[in-house]
Amino acid sequence: MVENSDAKKVQFNVYLPAALVKQIKHAAIDEGTSLSSLVERIMIDYVSKEGTS
């Protein structure tokens, strides 16, 4: 189940390749959104498609 985006936020750390982080940061800037919002949307899309809860 995907929570509403107004739900309480928590922080967690992940280790990713530097080049990927750079691409995601640039994508957020290009879309005019925050990095957190972009990653949240990507993760929600993933779990929705996968049927993961």
C-alpha atoms as a PDB file:
ATOM      1  CA  MET A   1       0.000   0.000   0.000  1.00  0.00           C
ATOM      2  CA  VAL A   2       1.402   3.381  -0.990  1.00  0.00           C
ATOM      3  CA  GLU A   3       0.956   6.125   1.566  1.00  0.00           C
ATOM      4  CA  ASN A   4      -0.311   9.583   0.790  1.00  0.00           C
ATOM      5  CA  SER A   5       2.489  12.051   0.057  1.00  0.00           C
ATOM      6  CA  ASP A   6       1.337  14.254   2.980  1.00  0.00           C
ATOM      7  CA  ALA A   7       2.182  11.467   5.435  1.00  0.00           C
ATOM      8  CA  LYS A   8       4.972  11.909   7.965  1.00  0.00           C
ATOM      9  CA  LYS A   9       8.358  11.724   6.247  1.00  0.00           C
ATOM     10  CA  VAL A  10      11.364   9.749   7.463  1.00  0.00           C
ATOM     11  CA  GLN A  11      14.940   9.801   6.254  1.00  0.00           C
ATOM     12  CA  PHE A  12      16.909   6.788   5.084  1.00  0.00           C
ATOM     13  CA  ASN A  13      20.284   6.464   3.432  1.00  0.00           C
ATOM     14  CA  VAL A  14      21.150   4.479   0.335  1.00  0.00           C
ATOM     15  CA  TYR A  15      24.424   4.091  -1.506  1.00  0.00           C
ATOM     16  CA  LEU A  16      24.218   4.620  -5.256  1.00  0.00           C
ATOM     17  CA  PRO A  17      26.744   5.160  -8.019  1.00  0.00           C
ATOM     18  CA  ALA A  18      27.848   8.796  -8.154  1.00  0.00           C
ATOM     19  CA  ALA A  19      26.889   9.101 -11.834  1.00  0.00           C
ATOM     20  CA  LEU A  20      23.311   7.968 -11.081  1.00  0.00           C
ATOM     21  CA  VAL A  21      22.972  10.461  -8.230  1.00  0.00           C
ATOM     22  CA  LYS A  22      24.172  13.222 -10.545  1.00  0.00           C
ATOM     23  CA  GLN A  23      21.614  12.224 -13.193  1.00  0.00           C
ATOM     24  CA  ILE A  24      18.761  12.151 -10.675  1.00  0.00           C
ATOM     25  CA  LYS A  25      19.751  15.544  -9.237  1.00  0.00           C
ATOM     26  CA  HIS A  26      19.800  17.054 -12.734  1.00  0.00           C
ATOM     27  CA  ALA A  27      16.436  15.451 -13.545  1.00  0.00           C
ATOM     28  CA  ALA A  28      14.903  17.035 -10.432  1.00  0.00           C
ATOM     29  CA  ILE A  29      16.282  20.442 -11.407  1.00  0.00           C
ATOM     30  CA  ASP A  30      15.019  20.037 -14.983  1.00  0.00           C
ATOM     31  CA  GLU A  31      11.542  19.150 -13.679  1.00  0.00           C
ATOM     32  CA  GLY A  32      11.555  22.019 -11.195  1.00  0.00           C
ATOM     33  CA  THR A  33      11.015  19.691  -8.244  1.00  0.00           C
ATOM     34  CA  SER A  34      12.979  18.625  -5.205  1.00  0.00           C
ATOM     35  CA  LEU A  35      15.192  15.572  -5.191  1.00  0.00           C
ATOM     36  CA  SER A  36      13.040  14.064  -2.438  1.00  0.00           C
ATOM     37  CA  SER A  37       9.843  14.572  -4.424  1.00  0.00           C
ATOM     38  CA  LEU A  38      11.329  13.025  -7.548  1.00  0.00           C
ATOM     39  CA  VAL A  39      12.683   9.975  -5.714  1.00  0.00           C
ATOM     40  CA  GLU A  40       9.385   9.571  -3.847  1.00  0.00           C
ATOM     41  CA  ARG A  41       7.447   9.613  -7.125  1.00  0.00           C
ATOM     42  CA  ILE A  42       9.825   7.098  -8.736  1.00  0.00           C
ATOM     43  CA  MET A  43       9.526   4.768  -5.747  1.00  0.00           C
ATOM     44  CA  ILE A  44       5.727   5.035  -5.613  1.00  0.00           C
ATOM     45  CA  ASP A  45       5.536   4.255  -9.337  1.00  0.00           C
ATOM     46  CA  TYR A  46       7.774   1.223  -8.832  1.00  0.00           C
ATOM     47  CA  VAL A  47       5.849  -0.310  -5.949  1.00  0.00           C
ATOM     48  CA  SER A  48       2.534   0.407  -7.676  1.00  0.00           C
ATOM     49  CA  LYS A  49       3.624  -1.440 -10.835  1.00  0.00           C
ATOM     50  CA  GLU A  50       5.186  -4.305  -8.920  1.00  0.00           C
ATOM     51  CA  GLY A  51       2.205  -4.765  -6.635  1.00  0.00           C
ATOM     52  CA  THR A  52       4.599  -4.585  -3.698  1.00  0.00           C
ATOM     53  CA  SER A  53       3.299  -3.429  -0.344  1.00  0.00           C
END
